[in-house]
Amino acid sequence: MNQETAGKFEDERSVLVNNLKKILKKHPVMEQLDSLRKKRFSDPYFPAYHFASPEGPMNDPNGICYWKGYWHLFYQAYPPESHCVHWGHAISSDLIHWHDLPYAIYPGPEQHCYSGSSLVEKNRVIAIYFGVNSGIMCATASDQFLLNWQKIKGGPVIPMDVLEKTTDLHSTIPFDPCIWKKNGFYYCLCNGRVPEGPDCKPVLSPFLFRSKDLSKWEYLHPFVEGDRFSLIGDDCACPYFWPIGTKYILLFFSHMSGTQAFIGNYDRKRDKFIITSHHRFNFGAPAPGGMIAPSATPWRNGNIIVIFNIFKGKSSDNQVMTIPVSLSLMAEDRLKIEPVDAVKTLRYNHQHID
């Protein structure tokens, strides 16, 4: 990376920090997070450029997105004063240097705010996630830094009793939703399994829902066809479905065999995904040290930006995120995976040896 580009990244970070100070300088949570972050960074073993929570344990990344010139990372956070999962929040101008923001989504009426994704529209960002003991939740925000979230209906948009009726037909209550929009309808894809393997053992089968207004949803059907790649016992946690190159990608995490991706074709008339190829991000057990729980968002040139959680090896109070990567589709359905450009700003004292 040349000096001019590195300077541009630094200028953007300075503008972001100054804007945040103006807006949040008297915010009590920000004072607490700033103090904790400084304390964390004084620990020589605390990660410097892999994102980690400033306080308490951290779990899946959720709803990463690009809004009004900045990147937003949400994640499952456990504030010390609460045993319930919130959506933590961080912001960045380059996907590498992150700045803490106040917690974005608080639980209630749901017990915990679990995994989900986001959809950026012209005038707002939609977050969709699983609310423990409530169902699928939707919230929206439209302010500059996505600080103010409003839950649609003030409760679940797909309540647990509706999800349980879906279970009557299959074997797993849908959870971990992702969202997209097509022809005026919103689509919600949730983790699921069906008892259609040998001896009725469970096999991967994400479930599809549809809505006109984000408030009322109808269940459609299992989404994927032609799966000859997943294993008996795999599930489809943290799914993300989006176009990539000339095809579509379904990213997901199997609690049994780690993070994977299907490449295929989207039959837009039948709302079915026909799988043509398969990729793994883990070539072993997901723990310890596996890349789990992908959170993704579309980017330029048909690429997709993805960040993962790194599954902890030993018990600790924190986990860390991976460096964000860019996914693109190459010939023969091959996935190209490369770190985001801003990672080059971490390099210094270059030495060249002939």
Protein backbone atom coordinates (compact mmCIF):
# COMPACT_ATOMS: atom_id res chain seq x y z
CA MET A 1 0.00 0.00 0.00
CA ASN A 2 1.45 3.38 -0.98
CA GLN A 3 1.83 6.31 1.39
CA GLU A 4 -1.04 8.25 -0.19
CA THR A 5 -3.53 5.40 0.35
CA ALA A 6 -2.33 4.82 3.90
CA GLY A 7 -2.79 8.52 4.59
CA LYS A 8 -6.34 8.37 3.24
CA PHE A 9 -7.24 5.58 5.69
CA GLU A 10 -5.73 7.60 8.56
CA ASP A 11 -7.68 10.75 7.58
CA GLU A 12 -10.94 8.78 7.46
CA ARG A 13 -10.29 7.34 10.92
CA SER A 14 -9.58 10.80 12.34
CA VAL A 15 -12.85 12.17 10.97
CA LEU A 16 -14.77 9.23 12.44
CA VAL A 17 -13.21 9.61 15.89
CA ASN A 18 -13.90 13.35 15.99
CA ASN A 19 -17.53 12.86 14.95
CA LEU A 20 -18.07 10.20 17.59
CA LYS A 21 -16.58 12.39 20.30
CA LYS A 22 -18.99 15.20 19.42
CA ILE A 23 -22.07 12.99 19.50
CA LEU A 24 -21.23 10.61 22.35
CA LYS A 25 -18.86 12.56 24.58
CA LYS A 26 -21.27 12.54 27.55
CA HIS A 27 -22.76 9.09 26.99
CA PRO A 28 -22.30 7.09 30.25
CA VAL A 29 -21.86 3.75 28.46
CA MET A 30 -19.20 5.26 26.19
CA GLU A 31 -17.20 6.49 29.17
CA GLN A 32 -17.34 2.99 30.63
CA LEU A 33 -16.36 1.31 27.34
CA ASP A 34 -13.51 3.76 26.72
CA SER A 35 -12.08 3.10 30.16
CA LEU A 36 -12.34 -0.66 29.73
CA ARG A 37 -10.84 -0.58 26.24
CA LYS A 38 -7.79 1.37 27.48
CA LYS A 39 -7.36 -1.15 30.28
CA ARG A 40 -7.61 -4.03 27.80
CA PHE A 41 -4.99 -2.53 25.50
CA SER A 42 -2.56 -2.27 28.41
CA ASP A 43 -2.54 -6.09 28.46
CA PRO A 44 0.25 -7.24 26.08
CA TYR A 45 -1.73 -10.41 25.30
CA PHE A 46 -4.96 -8.67 24.34
CA PRO A 47 -5.49 -8.69 20.54
CA ALA A 48 -4.62 -5.40 18.87
CA TYR A 49 -6.25 -5.75 15.45
CA HIS A 50 -8.53 -8.77 15.88
CA PHE A 51 -11.71 -7.29 17.31
CA ALA A 52 -12.66 -8.42 20.81
CA SER A 53 -15.26 -7.15 23.24
CA PRO A 54 -14.13 -4.42 25.65
CA GLU A 55 -15.95 -6.15 28.52
CA GLY A 56 -17.21 -9.62 29.26
CA PRO A 57 -17.51 -12.63 26.97
CA MET A 58 -18.30 -12.31 23.28
CA ASN A 59 -19.94 -14.72 20.87
CA ASP A 60 -21.08 -14.55 17.22
CA PRO A 61 -20.62 -11.51 14.98
CA ASN A 62 -23.97 -10.34 13.64
CA GLY A 63 -25.31 -8.01 10.98
CA ILE A 64 -22.06 -6.51 9.67
CA CYS A 65 -22.97 -3.77 7.18
CA TYR A 66 -21.86 -0.56 5.48
CA TRP A 67 -24.00 2.52 6.22
CA LYS A 68 -23.41 6.19 5.43
CA GLY A 69 -19.68 5.78 4.86
CA TYR A 70 -18.84 3.51 7.79
CA TRP A 71 -18.71 -0.17 8.61
CA HIS A 72 -20.79 -1.47 11.50
CA LEU A 73 -20.11 -4.69 13.38
CA PHE A 74 -22.68 -6.10 15.79
CA TYR A 75 -21.91 -9.03 18.04
CA GLN A 76 -23.36 -11.06 20.88
CA ALA A 77 -22.23 -9.32 24.05
CA TYR A 78 -22.66 -10.00 27.75
CA PRO A 79 -22.57 -6.78 29.79
CA PRO A 80 -21.26 -7.47 33.32
CA GLU A 81 -24.45 -6.12 34.87
CA SER A 82 -26.65 -8.53 32.89
CA HIS A 83 -26.73 -12.26 32.20
CA CYS A 84 -28.68 -11.66 29.00
CA VAL A 85 -27.19 -11.45 25.52
CA HIS A 86 -27.26 -7.98 23.91
CA TRP A 87 -26.08 -6.90 20.49
CA GLY A 88 -22.78 -5.10 21.03
CA HIS A 89 -21.76 -2.51 18.45
CA ALA A 90 -18.52 -1.22 16.91
CA ILE A 91 -17.83 1.10 13.99
CA SER A 92 -14.91 1.43 11.58
CA SER A 93 -13.86 3.38 8.52
CA ASP A 94 -11.68 0.54 7.20
CA LEU A 95 -12.77 -2.81 8.76
CA ILE A 96 -9.54 -3.00 10.77
CA HIS A 97 -9.55 -0.15 13.30
CA TRP A 98 -12.76 -0.49 15.32
CA HIS A 99 -14.31 1.95 17.80
CA ASP A 100 -16.81 0.89 20.45
CA LEU A 101 -20.36 2.22 20.40
CA PRO A 102 -23.14 1.77 22.98
CA TYR A 103 -24.98 -1.53 22.92
CA ALA A 104 -27.28 -1.51 19.91
CA ILE A 105 -30.11 -3.91 20.76
CA TYR A 106 -31.21 -4.80 24.29
CA PRO A 107 -33.22 -7.93 25.16
CA GLY A 108 -36.90 -7.54 25.97
CA PRO A 109 -39.37 -9.11 25.59
CA GLU A 110 -36.93 -11.76 24.31
CA GLN A 111 -34.61 -13.25 26.92
CA HIS A 112 -31.49 -13.05 24.72
CA CYS A 113 -30.64 -11.38 21.39
CA TYR A 114 -29.05 -14.21 19.44
CA SER A 115 -27.66 -14.42 15.91
CA GLY A 116 -29.05 -12.72 12.83
CA SER A 117 -28.12 -10.46 9.94
CA SER A 118 -28.85 -7.05 8.44
CA LEU A 119 -30.24 -5.60 5.23
CA VAL A 120 -29.29 -2.08 4.15
CA GLU A 121 -32.08 -0.17 2.39
CA LYS A 122 -32.01 3.37 1.04
CA ASN A 123 -33.37 5.02 4.18
CA ARG A 124 -32.77 2.45 6.92
CA VAL A 125 -30.99 -0.67 8.09
CA ILE A 126 -33.00 -3.74 9.08
CA ALA A 127 -31.68 -6.14 11.70
CA ILE A 128 -33.27 -9.58 11.99
CA TYR A 129 -32.31 -12.04 14.71
CA PHE A 130 -33.50 -14.84 16.96
CA GLY A 131 -34.96 -13.78 20.29
CA VAL A 132 -34.72 -16.59 22.82
CA ASN A 133 -38.15 -17.67 24.14
CA SER A 134 -39.84 -15.16 21.82
CA GLY A 135 -39.12 -15.94 18.15
CA ILE A 136 -37.71 -14.09 15.17
CA MET A 137 -37.25 -10.38 15.90
CA CYS A 138 -36.88 -7.39 13.55
CA ALA A 139 -35.52 -3.95 14.40
CA THR A 140 -34.73 -0.90 12.27
CA ALA A 141 -32.45 2.13 12.55
CA SER A 142 -31.88 5.11 10.26
CA ASP A 143 -29.64 7.56 12.16
CA GLN A 144 -26.09 8.30 11.05
CA PHE A 145 -24.33 5.89 13.42
CA LEU A 146 -27.13 3.31 13.89
CA LEU A 147 -27.49 4.14 17.57
CA ASN A 148 -31.29 4.14 17.82
CA TRP A 149 -33.06 0.86 17.07
CA GLN A 150 -36.81 0.29 17.12
CA LYS A 151 -38.24 -3.22 17.31
CA ILE A 152 -41.03 -3.87 14.83
CA LYS A 153 -44.25 -4.70 16.69
CA GLY A 154 -42.32 -4.40 19.96
CA GLY A 155 -42.02 -8.18 19.95
CA PRO A 156 -41.47 -11.17 17.69
CA VAL A 157 -42.50 -10.91 14.04
CA ILE A 158 -42.47 -14.71 13.79
CA PRO A 159 -43.52 -15.90 17.26
CA MET A 160 -42.38 -19.15 18.82
CA ASP A 161 -45.78 -20.82 18.32
CA VAL A 162 -45.47 -20.24 14.55
CA LEU A 163 -41.92 -21.59 14.58
CA GLU A 164 -43.09 -24.62 16.55
CA LYS A 165 -45.78 -25.34 13.93
CA THR A 166 -43.00 -25.39 11.35
CA THR A 167 -41.21 -27.87 13.61
CA ASP A 168 -44.25 -30.15 13.48
CA LEU A 169 -43.47 -30.57 9.79
CA HIS A 170 -39.72 -30.92 10.28
CA SER A 171 -37.38 -31.44 13.23
CA THR A 172 -35.71 -28.18 14.28
CA ILE A 173 -37.17 -24.87 15.41
CA PRO A 174 -35.95 -22.26 12.87
CA PHE A 175 -33.41 -19.79 14.24
CA ASP A 176 -30.49 -17.57 13.09
CA PRO A 177 -32.36 -15.67 10.35
CA CYS A 178 -30.86 -13.86 7.37
CA ILE A 179 -32.82 -11.47 5.15
CA TRP A 180 -33.03 -10.24 1.56
CA LYS A 181 -35.62 -8.51 -0.61
CA LYS A 182 -37.00 -9.54 -4.01
CA ASN A 183 -39.90 -8.15 -6.04
CA GLY A 184 -41.36 -6.21 -3.13
CA PHE A 185 -41.15 -9.11 -0.65
CA TYR A 186 -38.75 -9.66 2.22
CA TYR A 187 -37.37 -13.17 2.60
CA CYS A 188 -36.14 -14.71 5.83
CA LEU A 189 -33.96 -17.84 5.75
CA CYS A 190 -33.51 -19.72 9.02
CA ASN A 191 -31.38 -22.60 10.21
CA GLY A 192 -33.17 -25.93 10.06
CA ARG A 193 -32.87 -29.69 9.72
CA VAL A 194 -35.24 -32.39 8.49
CA PRO A 195 -35.31 -36.10 9.49
CA GLU A 196 -34.65 -37.33 5.97
CA GLY A 197 -31.24 -38.97 6.34
CA PRO A 198 -30.62 -42.72 6.78
CA ASP A 199 -32.76 -44.11 9.62
CA CYS A 200 -34.51 -40.71 9.74
CA LYS A 201 -31.35 -38.98 10.96
CA PRO A 202 -31.31 -35.17 10.66
CA VAL A 203 -29.90 -33.48 7.58
CA LEU A 204 -29.38 -29.82 6.79
CA SER A 205 -32.45 -27.98 5.44
CA PRO A 206 -32.83 -24.22 6.01
CA PHE A 207 -36.42 -22.94 6.06
CA LEU A 208 -37.75 -19.98 4.04
CA PHE A 209 -40.32 -17.37 5.13
CA ARG A 210 -41.74 -14.38 3.23
CA SER A 211 -43.29 -11.02 4.20
CA LYS A 212 -44.57 -7.89 2.51
CA ASP A 213 -44.07 -5.56 5.47
CA LEU A 214 -41.67 -7.24 7.98
CA SER A 215 -44.60 -7.66 10.40
CA LYS A 216 -46.57 -10.59 9.00
CA TRP A 217 -44.62 -13.58 7.71
CA GLU A 218 -45.68 -16.77 5.96
CA TYR A 219 -43.74 -20.02 5.93
CA LEU A 220 -42.90 -21.20 2.40
CA HIS A 221 -40.76 -24.37 2.35
CA PRO A 222 -37.28 -25.86 2.79
CA PHE A 223 -34.95 -23.78 0.62
CA VAL A 224 -32.11 -25.91 -0.79
CA GLU A 225 -32.09 -28.58 -3.48
CA GLY A 226 -29.31 -30.83 -4.75
CA ASP A 227 -27.30 -31.00 -1.52
CA ARG A 228 -24.86 -33.86 -1.93
CA PHE A 229 -22.15 -32.20 0.14
CA SER A 230 -23.29 -31.76 3.75
CA LEU A 231 -23.00 -34.52 6.33
CA ILE A 232 -25.65 -36.24 8.39
CA GLY A 233 -26.01 -34.13 11.52
CA ASP A 234 -24.95 -30.83 9.91
CA ASP A 235 -27.11 -27.80 10.55
CA CYS A 236 -27.23 -24.39 8.86
CA ALA A 237 -26.56 -21.89 11.65
CA CYS A 238 -25.76 -18.24 10.88
CA PRO A 239 -26.85 -18.50 7.21
CA TYR A 240 -26.17 -15.73 4.71
CA PHE A 241 -27.62 -15.87 1.18
CA TRP A 242 -26.64 -13.38 -1.51
CA PRO A 243 -25.50 -13.07 -5.16
CA ILE A 244 -21.79 -13.57 -5.80
CA GLY A 245 -20.41 -13.18 -9.29
CA THR A 246 -22.85 -14.85 -11.69
CA LYS A 247 -24.24 -17.18 -9.02
CA TYR A 248 -25.42 -17.18 -5.40
CA ILE A 249 -23.69 -18.15 -2.19
CA LEU A 250 -25.15 -19.65 0.98
CA LEU A 251 -22.68 -19.23 3.83
CA PHE A 252 -23.41 -21.15 7.03
CA PHE A 253 -21.93 -22.71 10.13
CA SER A 254 -22.44 -26.34 11.10
CA HIS A 255 -22.05 -26.94 14.82
CA MET A 256 -20.74 -30.39 13.89
CA SER A 257 -18.32 -29.68 11.03
CA GLY A 258 -17.65 -25.94 10.90
CA THR A 259 -18.19 -23.07 8.48
CA GLN A 260 -19.04 -23.90 4.89
CA ALA A 261 -20.46 -22.37 1.71
CA PHE A 262 -22.72 -23.61 -1.04
CA ILE A 263 -22.49 -22.05 -4.51
CA GLY A 264 -25.44 -22.45 -6.83
CA ASN A 265 -28.36 -21.00 -8.75
CA TYR A 266 -31.39 -19.22 -7.34
CA ASP A 267 -34.68 -20.27 -8.96
CA ARG A 268 -36.49 -16.99 -8.39
CA LYS A 269 -39.86 -18.35 -9.53
CA ARG A 270 -39.91 -21.28 -7.11
CA ASP A 271 -37.75 -19.58 -4.47
CA LYS A 272 -35.39 -22.54 -4.37
CA PHE A 273 -31.59 -22.66 -4.21
CA ILE A 274 -30.02 -25.35 -6.41
CA ILE A 275 -26.53 -26.22 -5.14
CA THR A 276 -23.75 -26.77 -7.67
CA SER A 277 -20.57 -26.72 -5.55
CA HIS A 278 -19.32 -26.66 -1.97
CA HIS A 279 -16.49 -25.07 0.02
CA ARG A 280 -15.17 -25.49 3.55
CA PHE A 281 -13.54 -22.89 5.77
CA ASN A 282 -12.71 -25.50 8.44
CA PHE A 283 -11.02 -28.79 7.62
CA GLY A 284 -11.45 -30.30 11.04
CA ALA A 285 -13.58 -29.91 14.14
CA PRO A 286 -14.89 -26.35 14.63
CA ALA A 287 -13.28 -26.24 18.09
CA PRO A 288 -10.75 -25.30 19.23
CA GLY A 289 -9.65 -22.47 17.00
CA GLY A 290 -12.15 -22.89 14.17
CA MET A 291 -13.66 -20.07 12.10
CA ILE A 292 -17.32 -20.05 13.07
CA ALA A 293 -20.49 -17.97 12.76
CA PRO A 294 -19.95 -15.98 9.53
CA SER A 295 -21.45 -12.50 9.32
CA ALA A 296 -21.47 -11.06 5.81
CA THR A 297 -22.54 -8.11 3.69
CA PRO A 298 -22.36 -7.30 -0.05
CA TRP A 299 -19.57 -5.09 -1.35
CA ARG A 300 -18.23 -3.74 -4.62
CA ASN A 301 -17.80 -5.72 -7.85
CA GLY A 302 -20.09 -8.48 -6.64
CA ASN A 303 -17.79 -9.36 -3.74
CA ILE A 304 -18.90 -10.19 -0.22
CA ILE A 305 -17.24 -9.04 3.01
CA VAL A 306 -17.22 -11.66 5.78
CA ILE A 307 -16.04 -11.72 9.37
CA PHE A 308 -15.96 -14.81 11.59
CA ASN A 309 -15.63 -15.61 15.26
CA ILE A 310 -12.59 -17.68 16.24
CA PHE A 311 -13.77 -20.43 18.54
CA LYS A 312 -11.83 -20.34 21.77
CA GLY A 313 -9.56 -23.22 22.67
CA LYS A 314 -9.48 -22.88 26.45
CA SER A 315 -12.00 -21.30 28.75
CA SER A 316 -11.57 -17.54 28.87
CA ASP A 317 -13.62 -14.40 29.25
CA ASN A 318 -13.31 -13.45 25.60
CA GLN A 319 -13.22 -14.63 22.05
CA VAL A 320 -11.90 -12.74 19.04
CA MET A 321 -13.02 -12.03 15.51
CA THR A 322 -11.02 -12.88 12.42
CA ILE A 323 -9.64 -10.24 10.11
CA PRO A 324 -12.48 -9.46 7.68
CA VAL A 325 -12.04 -11.06 4.28
CA SER A 326 -13.41 -10.46 0.80
CA LEU A 327 -15.03 -13.36 -1.07
CA SER A 328 -15.29 -13.40 -4.86
CA LEU A 329 -16.26 -16.08 -7.35
CA MET A 330 -13.71 -17.39 -9.83
CA ALA A 331 -13.94 -19.87 -12.70
CA GLU A 332 -15.45 -23.28 -11.98
CA ASP A 333 -17.23 -21.96 -8.88
CA ARG A 334 -13.98 -21.53 -6.95
CA LEU A 335 -14.00 -19.05 -4.08
CA LYS A 336 -11.25 -16.47 -3.84
CA ILE A 337 -10.61 -15.40 -0.24
CA GLU A 338 -8.39 -12.41 0.50
CA PRO A 339 -7.97 -10.02 3.45
CA VAL A 340 -9.51 -6.57 3.10
CA ASP A 341 -7.16 -3.89 1.72
CA ALA A 342 -6.84 -1.97 4.98
CA VAL A 343 -4.93 -4.83 6.59
CA LYS A 344 -1.91 -3.44 4.73
CA THR A 345 -1.97 -0.41 7.04
CA LEU A 346 -0.81 -2.71 9.85
CA ARG A 347 2.51 -3.35 8.12
CA TYR A 348 5.52 -1.20 8.96
CA ASN A 349 9.33 -1.17 8.97
CA HIS A 350 9.41 -2.91 5.63
CA GLN A 351 12.72 -4.58 4.79
CA HIS A 352 13.60 -5.78 1.31
CA ILE A 353 16.26 -8.43 0.81
CA ASP A 354 17.56 -9.35 -2.63
